[in-house]
Amino acid sequence: MKVMIDICIVPLGVGVSVSEYVAACQKVFDEAGLSHQMHAYGTNVEGGWDEVMLAVKQCHEIVHEMGAPRITTSMRLGTRTDREQTMQDKVDSVQAKLS
């Protein structure tokens, strides 16, 4: 099953700047071969359910290895079975209506 997620992983106990942790998670998504798009307060990721969830787990593992004693993550996810749809399809649909 394909899944699209919007995820925000926040390391706690590491100070106020978290960009190095965000970068580490972006590398996880890259190495997993997942389509992803970072935005100001998180990352959209799409792919197979198992692959996406494994990457989320790997992000947690790496952020802990980097020294974060605690992590809080919020995630919204969606699936559909009626047709294939990508993150870009969703954006294009709205942009077409704005034209």
N, C-alpha and C. Protein backbone atom coordinates (compact mmCIF):
# COMPACT_ATOMS: atom_id res chain seq x y z
N MET A 1 0.84 -1.18 0.00
CA MET A 1 0.00 0.00 0.00
C MET A 1 0.88 1.24 0.00
N LYS A 2 0.52 2.22 -0.79
CA LYS A 2 1.23 3.50 -0.82
C LYS A 2 0.67 4.40 0.28
N VAL A 3 1.54 5.25 0.82
CA VAL A 3 1.14 6.18 1.87
C VAL A 3 1.83 7.52 1.63
N MET A 4 1.14 8.59 2.00
CA MET A 4 1.71 9.93 2.03
C MET A 4 1.67 10.38 3.48
N ILE A 5 2.80 10.91 3.97
CA ILE A 5 2.81 11.41 5.35
C ILE A 5 3.31 12.84 5.37
N ASP A 6 2.88 13.53 6.39
CA ASP A 6 3.44 14.83 6.75
C ASP A 6 4.00 14.62 8.14
N ILE A 7 5.31 14.75 8.28
CA ILE A 7 5.96 14.40 9.55
C ILE A 7 6.80 15.55 10.06
N CYS A 8 6.77 15.72 11.37
CA CYS A 8 7.60 16.71 12.04
C CYS A 8 8.26 16.01 13.23
N ILE A 9 9.56 15.82 13.12
CA ILE A 9 10.35 15.15 14.16
C ILE A 9 11.12 16.21 14.93
N VAL A 10 10.87 16.30 16.24
CA VAL A 10 11.48 17.35 17.05
C VAL A 10 12.32 16.72 18.17
N PRO A 11 13.64 16.86 18.08
CA PRO A 11 14.49 16.37 19.17
C PRO A 11 14.38 17.31 20.37
N LEU A 12 14.30 16.74 21.54
CA LEU A 12 14.22 17.54 22.77
C LEU A 12 15.51 17.37 23.55
N GLY A 13 15.88 18.42 24.24
CA GLY A 13 17.08 18.36 25.07
C GLY A 13 18.36 18.63 24.31
N VAL A 14 18.25 19.28 23.12
CA VAL A 14 19.43 19.53 22.29
C VAL A 14 19.61 21.00 21.97
N GLY A 15 18.85 21.88 22.60
CA GLY A 15 18.93 23.30 22.29
C GLY A 15 17.84 23.71 21.32
N VAL A 16 17.93 24.96 20.87
CA VAL A 16 16.85 25.50 20.03
C VAL A 16 17.05 25.27 18.54
N SER A 17 18.26 25.05 18.09
CA SER A 17 18.50 24.82 16.67
C SER A 17 18.46 23.32 16.39
N VAL A 18 17.61 22.92 15.44
CA VAL A 18 17.46 21.49 15.15
C VAL A 18 17.79 21.16 13.69
N SER A 19 18.37 22.09 12.96
CA SER A 19 18.60 21.88 11.53
C SER A 19 19.50 20.68 11.24
N GLU A 20 20.48 20.40 12.08
CA GLU A 20 21.35 19.25 11.82
C GLU A 20 20.57 17.94 11.94
N TYR A 21 19.57 17.90 12.80
CA TYR A 21 18.74 16.71 12.96
C TYR A 21 17.78 16.56 11.79
N VAL A 22 17.25 17.68 11.33
CA VAL A 22 16.39 17.67 10.15
C VAL A 22 17.20 17.17 8.94
N ALA A 23 18.40 17.68 8.79
CA ALA A 23 19.26 17.26 7.67
C ALA A 23 19.53 15.76 7.74
N ALA A 24 19.75 15.23 8.92
CA ALA A 24 20.00 13.79 9.07
C ALA A 24 18.79 12.98 8.61
N CYS A 25 17.61 13.45 8.94
CA CYS A 25 16.39 12.74 8.51
C CYS A 25 16.18 12.87 7.01
N GLN A 26 16.52 14.01 6.44
CA GLN A 26 16.41 14.16 4.99
C GLN A 26 17.30 13.14 4.29
N LYS A 27 18.49 12.90 4.86
CA LYS A 27 19.40 11.90 4.29
C LYS A 27 18.80 10.50 4.37
N VAL A 28 18.09 10.21 5.46
CA VAL A 28 17.43 8.91 5.60
C VAL A 28 16.41 8.72 4.48
N PHE A 29 15.59 9.74 4.24
CA PHE A 29 14.58 9.64 3.18
C PHE A 29 15.24 9.51 1.81
N ASP A 30 16.33 10.24 1.59
CA ASP A 30 17.09 10.13 0.33
C ASP A 30 17.60 8.70 0.13
N GLU A 31 18.28 8.20 1.16
CA GLU A 31 18.89 6.87 1.06
C GLU A 31 17.85 5.77 0.90
N ALA A 32 16.64 6.01 1.41
CA ALA A 32 15.56 5.04 1.27
C ALA A 32 14.92 5.11 -0.11
N GLY A 33 15.30 6.13 -0.89
CA GLY A 33 14.73 6.29 -2.23
C GLY A 33 13.30 6.78 -2.22
N LEU A 34 12.92 7.46 -1.14
CA LEU A 34 11.54 7.95 -1.01
C LEU A 34 11.42 9.36 -1.56
N SER A 35 10.31 9.62 -2.22
CA SER A 35 10.01 10.97 -2.66
C SER A 35 9.65 11.79 -1.42
N HIS A 36 10.29 12.95 -1.26
CA HIS A 36 10.02 13.76 -0.08
C HIS A 36 10.23 15.23 -0.40
N GLN A 37 9.53 16.07 0.35
CA GLN A 37 9.64 17.51 0.18
C GLN A 37 9.61 18.17 1.55
N MET A 38 10.72 18.77 1.91
CA MET A 38 10.80 19.48 3.18
C MET A 38 10.04 20.80 3.07
N HIS A 39 9.38 21.19 4.14
CA HIS A 39 8.75 22.51 4.22
C HIS A 39 9.11 23.12 5.56
N ALA A 40 8.61 24.30 5.84
CA ALA A 40 9.08 25.06 7.00
C ALA A 40 8.87 24.36 8.34
N TYR A 41 7.84 23.52 8.45
CA TYR A 41 7.56 22.87 9.73
C TYR A 41 7.43 21.37 9.62
N GLY A 42 8.17 20.77 8.68
CA GLY A 42 8.12 19.32 8.55
C GLY A 42 8.53 18.86 7.17
N THR A 43 8.15 17.64 6.86
CA THR A 43 8.49 17.02 5.59
C THR A 43 7.33 16.16 5.12
N ASN A 44 7.00 16.27 3.83
CA ASN A 44 6.06 15.36 3.20
C ASN A 44 6.86 14.22 2.59
N VAL A 45 6.39 13.01 2.79
CA VAL A 45 7.08 11.83 2.28
C VAL A 45 6.03 10.90 1.66
N GLU A 46 6.39 10.28 0.53
CA GLU A 46 5.48 9.31 -0.06
C GLU A 46 6.24 8.07 -0.48
N GLY A 47 5.55 6.94 -0.44
CA GLY A 47 6.14 5.68 -0.85
C GLY A 47 5.34 4.52 -0.31
N GLY A 48 5.93 3.35 -0.39
CA GLY A 48 5.28 2.17 0.17
C GLY A 48 5.19 2.27 1.69
N TRP A 49 4.10 1.77 2.23
CA TRP A 49 3.84 1.86 3.67
C TRP A 49 5.05 1.38 4.48
N ASP A 50 5.51 0.18 4.22
CA ASP A 50 6.60 -0.40 5.01
C ASP A 50 7.88 0.41 4.88
N GLU A 51 8.19 0.88 3.67
CA GLU A 51 9.41 1.65 3.45
C GLU A 51 9.36 3.00 4.18
N VAL A 52 8.20 3.65 4.13
CA VAL A 52 8.06 4.94 4.81
C VAL A 52 8.16 4.77 6.32
N MET A 53 7.47 3.77 6.86
CA MET A 53 7.50 3.57 8.31
C MET A 53 8.89 3.15 8.79
N LEU A 54 9.61 2.37 7.99
CA LEU A 54 10.98 2.01 8.33
C LEU A 54 11.86 3.26 8.36
N ALA A 55 11.68 4.16 7.41
CA ALA A 55 12.47 5.40 7.37
C ALA A 55 12.16 6.26 8.59
N VAL A 56 10.91 6.32 9.01
CA VAL A 56 10.55 7.09 10.21
C VAL A 56 11.28 6.50 11.42
N LYS A 57 11.27 5.18 11.53
CA LYS A 57 11.99 4.52 12.64
C LYS A 57 13.48 4.84 12.58
N GLN A 58 14.06 4.80 11.37
CA GLN A 58 15.49 5.10 11.22
C GLN A 58 15.79 6.55 11.59
N CYS A 59 14.88 7.46 11.28
CA CYS A 59 15.09 8.85 11.70
C CYS A 59 15.18 8.94 13.21
N HIS A 60 14.29 8.26 13.91
CA HIS A 60 14.34 8.28 15.37
C HIS A 60 15.66 7.69 15.87
N GLU A 61 16.07 6.58 15.29
CA GLU A 61 17.31 5.96 15.73
C GLU A 61 18.51 6.89 15.52
N ILE A 62 18.57 7.52 14.38
CA ILE A 62 19.71 8.41 14.08
C ILE A 62 19.71 9.64 14.97
N VAL A 63 18.54 10.23 15.17
CA VAL A 63 18.47 11.43 16.02
C VAL A 63 18.86 11.09 17.46
N HIS A 64 18.46 9.92 17.94
CA HIS A 64 18.91 9.50 19.27
C HIS A 64 20.43 9.29 19.29
N GLU A 65 20.96 8.66 18.23
CA GLU A 65 22.42 8.45 18.15
C GLU A 65 23.18 9.78 18.13
N MET A 66 22.54 10.82 17.60
CA MET A 66 23.17 12.14 17.54
C MET A 66 23.15 12.85 18.89
N GLY A 67 22.50 12.24 19.89
CA GLY A 67 22.54 12.81 21.23
C GLY A 67 21.22 13.31 21.78
N ALA A 68 20.15 13.23 21.01
CA ALA A 68 18.86 13.68 21.53
C ALA A 68 18.33 12.63 22.50
N PRO A 69 18.12 13.01 23.77
CA PRO A 69 17.64 12.04 24.74
C PRO A 69 16.15 11.74 24.58
N ARG A 70 15.44 12.65 23.88
CA ARG A 70 14.00 12.51 23.74
C ARG A 70 13.59 13.09 22.39
N ILE A 71 12.57 12.51 21.78
CA ILE A 71 12.05 12.99 20.50
C ILE A 71 10.53 12.99 20.57
N THR A 72 9.94 14.06 20.07
CA THR A 72 8.49 14.07 19.89
C THR A 72 8.22 14.21 18.40
N THR A 73 7.33 13.39 17.90
CA THR A 73 7.02 13.39 16.48
C THR A 73 5.53 13.48 16.27
N SER A 74 5.14 14.37 15.36
CA SER A 74 3.74 14.41 14.94
C SER A 74 3.71 13.99 13.48
N MET A 75 2.70 13.20 13.14
CA MET A 75 2.62 12.68 11.80
C MET A 75 1.15 12.57 11.39
N ARG A 76 0.87 13.07 10.21
CA ARG A 76 -0.44 12.85 9.58
C ARG A 76 -0.18 11.96 8.39
N LEU A 77 -1.07 11.03 8.12
CA LEU A 77 -0.85 10.16 6.98
C LEU A 77 -2.15 9.91 6.25
N GLY A 78 -2.00 9.60 4.97
CA GLY A 78 -3.17 9.31 4.16
C GLY A 78 -2.86 8.22 3.15
N THR A 79 -3.89 7.44 2.86
CA THR A 79 -3.80 6.41 1.84
C THR A 79 -5.06 6.52 0.98
N ARG A 80 -4.96 6.02 -0.23
CA ARG A 80 -6.15 5.91 -1.07
C ARG A 80 -6.02 4.69 -1.95
N THR A 81 -7.16 4.07 -2.23
CA THR A 81 -7.16 2.85 -3.03
C THR A 81 -7.87 3.02 -4.36
N ASP A 82 -8.52 4.18 -4.56
CA ASP A 82 -9.29 4.36 -5.79
C ASP A 82 -8.42 4.73 -6.99
N ARG A 83 -7.24 5.31 -6.74
CA ARG A 83 -6.32 5.64 -7.82
C ARG A 83 -4.96 6.00 -7.25
N GLU A 84 -3.96 6.01 -8.12
CA GLU A 84 -2.62 6.43 -7.73
C GLU A 84 -2.59 7.95 -7.70
N GLN A 85 -1.96 8.53 -6.70
CA GLN A 85 -1.82 9.97 -6.60
C GLN A 85 -0.51 10.30 -5.90
N THR A 86 0.19 11.29 -6.43
CA THR A 86 1.45 11.71 -5.83
C THR A 86 1.25 13.03 -5.09
N MET A 87 2.27 13.40 -4.33
CA MET A 87 2.23 14.70 -3.65
C MET A 87 2.08 15.81 -4.69
N GLN A 88 2.82 15.69 -5.79
CA GLN A 88 2.76 16.72 -6.82
C GLN A 88 1.39 16.78 -7.47
N ASP A 89 0.72 15.65 -7.64
CA ASP A 89 -0.64 15.64 -8.18
C ASP A 89 -1.56 16.50 -7.32
N LYS A 90 -1.42 16.38 -6.03
CA LYS A 90 -2.28 17.13 -5.11
C LYS A 90 -2.03 18.64 -5.24
N VAL A 91 -0.77 19.02 -5.33
CA VAL A 91 -0.42 20.44 -5.48
C VAL A 91 -0.91 20.95 -6.83
N ASP A 92 -0.68 20.18 -7.88
CA ASP A 92 -1.10 20.59 -9.23
C ASP A 92 -2.61 20.79 -9.30
N SER A 93 -3.38 19.94 -8.64
CA SER A 93 -4.82 20.07 -8.64
C SER A 93 -5.30 21.40 -8.09
N VAL A 94 -4.69 21.81 -6.99
CA VAL A 94 -5.05 23.10 -6.38
C VAL A 94 -4.58 24.25 -7.26
N GLN A 95 -3.36 24.16 -7.78
CA GLN A 95 -2.83 25.24 -8.62
C GLN A 95 -3.67 25.42 -9.88
N ALA A 96 -4.18 24.34 -10.43
CA ALA A 96 -5.03 24.42 -11.62
C ALA A 96 -6.30 25.20 -11.32
N LYS A 97 -6.80 25.03 -10.12
CA LYS A 97 -8.03 25.74 -9.73
C LYS A 97 -7.77 27.23 -9.46
N LEU A 98 -6.54 27.57 -9.18
CA LEU A 98 -6.17 28.96 -8.95
C LEU A 98 -5.92 29.71 -10.26
N SER A 99 -5.71 29.00 -11.33
CA SER A 99 -5.41 29.63 -12.63
C SER A 99 -6.66 30.21 -13.27
